[in-house]
Each structure stands twice: as C-alpha cells, then as structure tokens.
N, C-alpha and C. Protein backbone atom coordinates (compact mmCIF):
# COMPACT_ATOMS: atom_id res chain seq x y z
N UNK A 1 0.84 -1.19 0.00
CA UNK A 1 0.00 0.00 0.00
C UNK A 1 0.88 1.25 0.00
N UNK A 2 0.72 2.09 -1.00
CA UNK A 2 1.52 3.30 -1.10
C UNK A 2 0.92 4.39 -0.21
N UNK A 3 1.78 5.06 0.53
CA UNK A 3 1.37 6.21 1.33
C UNK A 3 2.28 7.39 1.03
N UNK A 4 1.68 8.57 0.97
CA UNK A 4 2.42 9.81 0.80
C UNK A 4 2.14 10.68 2.01
N UNK A 5 3.20 11.07 2.70
CA UNK A 5 3.04 11.89 3.90
C UNK A 5 3.75 13.21 3.68
N UNK A 6 2.98 14.30 3.75
CA UNK A 6 3.52 15.64 3.51
C UNK A 6 3.80 16.34 4.83
N UNK A 7 4.74 17.26 4.78
CA UNK A 7 5.03 18.08 5.95
C UNK A 7 5.62 19.41 5.48
N UNK A 8 5.54 20.41 6.37
CA UNK A 8 6.23 21.66 6.10
C UNK A 8 5.35 22.85 5.77
N UNK A 9 4.05 22.68 5.70
CA UNK A 9 3.20 23.83 5.41
C UNK A 9 3.14 24.79 6.59
N UNK A 10 2.49 25.93 6.37
CA UNK A 10 2.34 26.89 7.44
C UNK A 10 2.07 28.28 6.94
N UNK A 11 2.25 29.24 7.85
CA UNK A 11 2.02 30.65 7.54
C UNK A 11 3.36 31.35 7.35
N UNK A 12 3.46 32.13 6.29
CA UNK A 12 4.70 32.86 6.01
C UNK A 12 4.33 34.23 5.44
N UNK A 13 5.17 35.20 5.67
CA UNK A 13 4.93 36.54 5.15
C UNK A 13 5.32 36.62 3.67
N UNK A 14 4.73 37.54 2.93
CA UNK A 14 5.14 37.74 1.54
C UNK A 14 6.63 37.99 1.44
N UNK A 15 7.24 37.35 0.45
CA UNK A 15 8.69 37.45 0.28
C UNK A 15 9.47 36.40 1.04
N UNK A 16 8.79 35.67 1.90
CA UNK A 16 9.46 34.66 2.70
C UNK A 16 9.62 33.34 1.98
N UNK A 17 10.16 32.36 2.72
CA UNK A 17 10.45 31.04 2.15
C UNK A 17 9.81 29.96 3.01
N UNK A 18 9.55 28.85 2.35
CA UNK A 18 8.98 27.69 3.03
C UNK A 18 9.40 26.46 2.25
N UNK A 19 9.59 25.36 2.95
CA UNK A 19 9.97 24.11 2.29
C UNK A 19 8.95 23.04 2.61
N UNK A 20 8.45 22.35 1.60
CA UNK A 20 7.52 21.24 1.77
C UNK A 20 8.25 19.93 1.48
N UNK A 21 7.92 18.90 2.27
CA UNK A 21 8.50 17.59 2.06
C UNK A 21 7.40 16.55 1.89
N UNK A 22 7.71 15.52 1.13
CA UNK A 22 6.78 14.41 0.93
C UNK A 22 7.58 13.12 0.99
N UNK A 23 7.15 12.21 1.85
CA UNK A 23 7.81 10.92 1.97
C UNK A 23 6.86 9.85 1.47
N UNK A 24 7.33 9.05 0.51
CA UNK A 24 6.52 7.98 -0.05
C UNK A 24 6.99 6.64 0.48
N UNK A 25 6.05 5.79 0.82
CA UNK A 25 6.38 4.44 1.27
C UNK A 25 5.56 3.43 0.48
N UNK A 26 6.08 2.20 0.40
CA UNK A 26 5.38 1.15 -0.32
C UNK A 26 5.46 1.26 -1.82
N UNK A 27 6.41 2.02 -2.33
CA UNK A 27 6.50 2.25 -3.78
C UNK A 27 7.18 1.08 -4.48
N UNK A 28 6.58 0.62 -5.56
CA UNK A 28 7.19 -0.35 -6.44
C UNK A 28 7.25 0.26 -7.84
N UNK A 29 7.99 -0.37 -8.74
CA UNK A 29 8.13 0.15 -10.10
C UNK A 29 8.50 1.64 -10.02
N UNK A 30 9.73 1.90 -9.71
CA UNK A 30 10.15 3.24 -9.31
C UNK A 30 10.38 4.20 -10.47
N UNK A 31 10.15 3.83 -11.70
CA UNK A 31 10.19 4.79 -12.81
C UNK A 31 8.87 5.56 -12.78
N UNK A 32 8.92 6.74 -12.19
CA UNK A 32 7.67 7.47 -11.98
C UNK A 32 7.93 8.97 -11.94
N UNK A 33 6.87 9.72 -11.70
CA UNK A 33 6.96 11.17 -11.58
C UNK A 33 6.39 11.56 -10.22
N UNK A 34 7.13 12.35 -9.48
CA UNK A 34 6.64 12.90 -8.23
C UNK A 34 6.43 14.40 -8.44
N UNK A 35 5.36 14.91 -7.88
CA UNK A 35 5.08 16.32 -8.10
C UNK A 35 4.26 16.95 -7.00
N UNK A 36 4.19 18.26 -7.06
CA UNK A 36 3.36 19.06 -6.15
C UNK A 36 2.27 19.75 -6.96
N UNK A 37 1.06 19.64 -6.47
CA UNK A 37 -0.07 20.36 -7.02
C UNK A 37 -0.62 21.26 -5.91
N UNK A 38 -1.39 22.24 -6.31
CA UNK A 38 -2.02 23.09 -5.30
C UNK A 38 -3.44 23.44 -5.73
N UNK A 39 -4.25 23.71 -4.72
CA UNK A 39 -5.63 24.10 -4.98
C UNK A 39 -6.01 25.22 -4.04
N UNK A 40 -6.32 26.37 -4.61
CA UNK A 40 -6.78 27.52 -3.84
C UNK A 40 -8.31 27.49 -3.79
N UNK A 41 -8.91 28.14 -2.81
CA UNK A 41 -10.37 28.15 -2.70
C UNK A 41 -11.03 28.65 -3.98
N UNK A 42 -11.99 27.88 -4.47
CA UNK A 42 -12.72 28.26 -5.67
C UNK A 42 -11.99 28.04 -6.96
N UNK A 43 -10.81 27.42 -6.90
CA UNK A 43 -10.03 27.21 -8.12
C UNK A 43 -9.76 25.72 -8.31
N UNK A 44 -9.38 25.38 -9.55
CA UNK A 44 -9.04 23.99 -9.84
C UNK A 44 -7.65 23.67 -9.34
N UNK A 45 -7.44 22.38 -9.08
CA UNK A 45 -6.11 21.94 -8.69
C UNK A 45 -5.18 22.10 -9.89
N UNK A 46 -3.97 22.62 -9.63
CA UNK A 46 -3.02 22.86 -10.71
C UNK A 46 -1.64 22.32 -10.36
N UNK A 47 -0.90 21.96 -11.38
CA UNK A 47 0.47 21.51 -11.19
C UNK A 47 1.34 22.68 -10.78
N UNK A 48 2.15 22.46 -9.76
CA UNK A 48 3.13 23.47 -9.34
C UNK A 48 4.50 23.09 -9.90
N UNK A 49 4.94 21.88 -9.62
CA UNK A 49 6.24 21.42 -10.08
C UNK A 49 6.30 19.91 -9.98
N UNK A 50 7.04 19.30 -10.89
CA UNK A 50 7.21 17.85 -10.85
C UNK A 50 8.62 17.49 -11.26
N UNK A 51 9.01 16.27 -10.88
CA UNK A 51 10.33 15.76 -11.26
C UNK A 51 10.22 14.27 -11.49
N UNK A 52 10.76 13.82 -12.59
CA UNK A 52 10.72 12.39 -12.89
C UNK A 52 11.86 11.67 -12.17
N UNK A 53 11.77 10.35 -12.15
CA UNK A 53 12.83 9.57 -11.51
C UNK A 53 14.15 9.75 -12.26
N UNK A 54 14.08 10.18 -13.52
CA UNK A 54 15.29 10.46 -14.29
C UNK A 54 15.81 11.86 -14.11
N UNK A 55 15.08 12.71 -13.34
CA UNK A 55 15.56 14.06 -13.04
C UNK A 55 14.96 15.16 -13.88
N UNK A 56 14.05 14.84 -14.79
CA UNK A 56 13.43 15.89 -15.60
C UNK A 56 12.40 16.66 -14.78
N UNK A 57 12.53 17.99 -14.78
CA UNK A 57 11.63 18.82 -13.99
C UNK A 57 10.66 19.60 -14.88
N UNK A 58 9.55 19.98 -14.27
CA UNK A 58 8.52 20.77 -14.96
C UNK A 58 7.95 21.72 -13.94
N UNK A 59 7.82 23.00 -14.32
CA UNK A 59 7.32 24.02 -13.40
C UNK A 59 6.16 24.79 -14.03
N UNK A 60 5.24 25.20 -13.20
CA UNK A 60 4.23 26.14 -13.66
C UNK A 60 4.90 27.48 -13.92
N UNK A 61 4.42 28.21 -14.92
CA UNK A 61 5.03 29.51 -15.24
C UNK A 61 5.03 30.45 -14.04
N UNK A 62 3.99 30.35 -13.22
CA UNK A 62 3.83 31.27 -12.10
C UNK A 62 4.87 31.07 -10.99
N UNK A 63 5.53 29.92 -10.98
CA UNK A 63 6.51 29.65 -9.91
C UNK A 63 7.93 29.50 -10.44
N UNK A 64 8.09 29.49 -11.75
CA UNK A 64 9.41 29.35 -12.36
C UNK A 64 10.36 30.42 -11.82
N UNK A 65 11.53 29.97 -11.37
CA UNK A 65 12.52 30.91 -10.83
C UNK A 65 12.36 31.19 -9.34
N UNK A 66 11.23 30.82 -8.77
CA UNK A 66 11.01 31.03 -7.33
C UNK A 66 10.98 29.73 -6.55
N UNK A 67 10.47 28.68 -7.16
CA UNK A 67 10.35 27.38 -6.51
C UNK A 67 11.36 26.41 -7.12
N UNK A 68 11.84 25.48 -6.29
CA UNK A 68 12.74 24.44 -6.77
C UNK A 68 12.26 23.10 -6.25
N UNK A 69 12.09 22.15 -7.15
CA UNK A 69 11.65 20.81 -6.78
C UNK A 69 12.83 19.84 -6.90
N UNK A 70 12.91 18.91 -5.95
CA UNK A 70 13.98 17.92 -5.99
C UNK A 70 13.48 16.63 -5.36
N UNK A 71 14.14 15.53 -5.68
CA UNK A 71 13.75 14.24 -5.11
C UNK A 71 14.99 13.42 -4.82
N UNK A 72 14.82 12.51 -3.88
CA UNK A 72 15.84 11.53 -3.55
C UNK A 72 15.26 10.17 -3.90
N UNK A 73 15.72 9.58 -4.98
CA UNK A 73 15.14 8.30 -5.44
C UNK A 73 15.38 7.17 -4.45
N UNK A 74 16.52 7.19 -3.79
CA UNK A 74 16.83 6.11 -2.85
C UNK A 74 15.89 6.14 -1.64
N UNK A 75 15.49 7.36 -1.24
CA UNK A 75 14.64 7.50 -0.05
C UNK A 75 13.18 7.72 -0.41
N UNK A 76 12.88 7.85 -1.70
CA UNK A 76 11.50 8.14 -2.14
C UNK A 76 10.94 9.39 -1.45
N UNK A 77 11.73 10.44 -1.46
CA UNK A 77 11.30 11.70 -0.88
C UNK A 77 11.31 12.80 -1.92
N UNK A 78 10.44 13.76 -1.70
CA UNK A 78 10.27 14.89 -2.61
C UNK A 78 10.28 16.17 -1.80
N UNK A 79 10.98 17.17 -2.28
CA UNK A 79 11.05 18.45 -1.58
C UNK A 79 10.70 19.58 -2.54
N UNK A 80 9.92 20.53 -2.04
CA UNK A 80 9.63 21.75 -2.79
C UNK A 80 10.13 22.94 -1.97
N UNK A 81 11.15 23.59 -2.46
CA UNK A 81 11.67 24.79 -1.81
C UNK A 81 10.98 25.98 -2.46
N UNK A 82 10.28 26.76 -1.64
CA UNK A 82 9.51 27.89 -2.15
C UNK A 82 10.11 29.19 -1.61
N UNK A 83 10.59 30.02 -2.50
CA UNK A 83 11.18 31.31 -2.13
C UNK A 83 10.35 32.44 -2.76
N UNK A 84 10.56 33.63 -2.24
CA UNK A 84 9.86 34.82 -2.75
C UNK A 84 8.35 34.57 -2.83
N UNK A 85 7.81 34.03 -1.77
CA UNK A 85 6.40 33.67 -1.76
C UNK A 85 5.50 34.89 -1.87
N UNK A 86 4.36 34.69 -2.55
CA UNK A 86 3.39 35.74 -2.79
C UNK A 86 2.04 35.32 -2.22
N UNK A 87 1.18 36.27 -1.92
CA UNK A 87 -0.15 35.92 -1.41
C UNK A 87 -0.90 34.96 -2.35
N UNK A 88 -0.68 35.09 -3.63
CA UNK A 88 -1.37 34.20 -4.57
C UNK A 88 -0.84 32.77 -4.55
N UNK A 89 0.21 32.51 -3.81
CA UNK A 89 0.69 31.14 -3.63
C UNK A 89 -0.09 30.42 -2.53
N UNK A 90 -0.95 31.13 -1.85
CA UNK A 90 -1.76 30.53 -0.79
C UNK A 90 -2.68 29.46 -1.36
N UNK A 91 -2.58 28.26 -0.80
CA UNK A 91 -3.36 27.12 -1.30
C UNK A 91 -3.07 25.91 -0.42
N UNK A 92 -3.83 24.85 -0.66
CA UNK A 92 -3.49 23.55 -0.11
C UNK A 92 -2.58 22.87 -1.14
N UNK A 93 -1.44 22.41 -0.70
CA UNK A 93 -0.46 21.78 -1.58
C UNK A 93 -0.52 20.26 -1.38
N UNK A 94 -0.58 19.55 -2.50
CA UNK A 94 -0.71 18.10 -2.49
C UNK A 94 0.49 17.46 -3.17
N UNK A 95 0.99 16.42 -2.55
CA UNK A 95 2.05 15.60 -3.15
C UNK A 95 1.38 14.55 -4.04
N UNK A 96 1.98 14.31 -5.18
CA UNK A 96 1.45 13.33 -6.12
C UNK A 96 2.54 12.40 -6.61
N UNK A 97 2.20 11.14 -6.77
CA UNK A 97 3.12 10.14 -7.30
C UNK A 97 2.39 9.39 -8.39
N UNK A 98 2.92 9.42 -9.60
CA UNK A 98 2.24 8.74 -10.68
C UNK A 98 3.23 8.03 -11.59
N UNK A 99 2.70 7.00 -12.23
CA UNK A 99 3.49 6.23 -13.19
C UNK A 99 2.64 6.08 -14.44
N UNK A 100 3.20 6.45 -15.59
CA UNK A 100 2.42 6.45 -16.83
C UNK A 100 2.53 5.13 -17.58
N UNK A 101 3.49 4.29 -17.18
CA UNK A 101 3.69 3.03 -17.90
C UNK A 101 3.13 1.89 -17.09
N UNK A 102 2.74 0.80 -17.79
CA UNK A 102 2.17 -0.35 -17.10
C UNK A 102 3.19 -0.97 -16.17
N UNK A 103 2.82 -1.25 -14.93
CA UNK A 103 1.54 -0.95 -14.28
C UNK A 103 1.45 0.52 -13.87
N UNK A 104 0.38 1.16 -14.27
CA UNK A 104 0.20 2.57 -13.95
C UNK A 104 -0.30 2.73 -12.52
N UNK A 105 -0.02 3.90 -11.94
CA UNK A 105 -0.60 4.25 -10.64
C UNK A 105 -0.62 5.76 -10.49
N UNK A 106 -1.42 6.22 -9.55
CA UNK A 106 -1.61 7.65 -9.33
C UNK A 106 -2.06 7.83 -7.89
N UNK A 107 -1.18 8.32 -7.04
CA UNK A 107 -1.45 8.45 -5.61
C UNK A 107 -1.33 9.92 -5.19
N UNK A 108 -2.13 10.25 -4.15
CA UNK A 108 -2.13 11.62 -3.62
C UNK A 108 -1.91 11.63 -2.12
N UNK A 109 -1.22 12.66 -1.65
CA UNK A 109 -1.11 12.89 -0.23
C UNK A 109 -2.35 13.59 0.30
N UNK A 110 -2.38 13.83 1.60
CA UNK A 110 -3.57 14.40 2.22
C UNK A 110 -3.63 15.92 2.08
N UNK A 111 -2.54 16.54 1.69
CA UNK A 111 -2.50 17.99 1.51
C UNK A 111 -1.97 18.72 2.73
N UNK A 112 -1.30 19.83 2.48
CA UNK A 112 -0.79 20.68 3.55
C UNK A 112 -1.05 22.14 3.17
N UNK A 113 -1.51 22.91 4.14
CA UNK A 113 -1.90 24.30 3.89
C UNK A 113 -0.68 25.20 3.89
N UNK A 114 -0.60 26.04 2.87
CA UNK A 114 0.40 27.10 2.80
C UNK A 114 -0.35 28.43 2.71
N UNK A 115 -0.08 29.31 3.65
CA UNK A 115 -0.73 30.62 3.67
C UNK A 115 0.34 31.70 3.64
N UNK A 116 0.24 32.58 2.66
CA UNK A 116 1.18 33.69 2.53
C UNK A 116 0.42 34.98 2.82
N UNK A 117 0.74 35.56 3.96
CA UNK A 117 -0.01 36.74 4.40
C UNK A 117 0.80 37.54 5.39
N UNK A 118 0.60 38.84 5.37
CA UNK A 118 1.26 39.71 6.36
C UNK A 118 0.36 39.91 7.58
C-alpha cells in the first residue's frame, strides 16, 4: 500500500520562504513522476512542479525561478523549496506520485496548507 506523507506547510509573510517535504512508502516500479499540485479556494487543482525519476523537472510559469523541486530516489522523498512567496501562492499543496507506464498508478497525499499573508 503506497502512502504519501507531507510536511512543512504553514504561515509565512510575503517574500518569505517555506519548504515542503513528501515521503513515499510502499513504492514499487520506481520509474515514476513525483510532483506538487495546489488548490486555492474556488479554483481547480493545478500543477506546481514535478520531477521524474530520471531528473526531468517541470514548473508552472507562475513559480518558475522562485520554486525548486527535488527528489531523492533512494529515499522516495520529494522536496519543494519555495522562495519569494506571494499571497497568490496561498493554497493547499498536495504531493502526487504517478506512473504512466504499465503498471500505472496515481497516488495523492492528504494535503498541507500554505498561507502567505502579512
């Protein structure tokens, strides 16, 4: 049974930094993509950043240059370093683990709140 456990959310002032972590357990077939999504009130869930097991990264335009995503394949952990945070970054952030090749899978963490406010 795969589990994703997130940590690191909280309240931060505009311009500040925050780091989110996600630890995955029970993972098999490790060629996969780990990523962070976020959902603000009244909005759809959107991709923030992802990284494949091969190291390929993908960022939303709105966070490019401010956020950095990284993973440790040996430990099945994912980190999102968020700098220069803005009020519009306020959302619930979700860790995601997916595999596009057979056997496919798609798992989500429980979410962690990030609030950027003065």
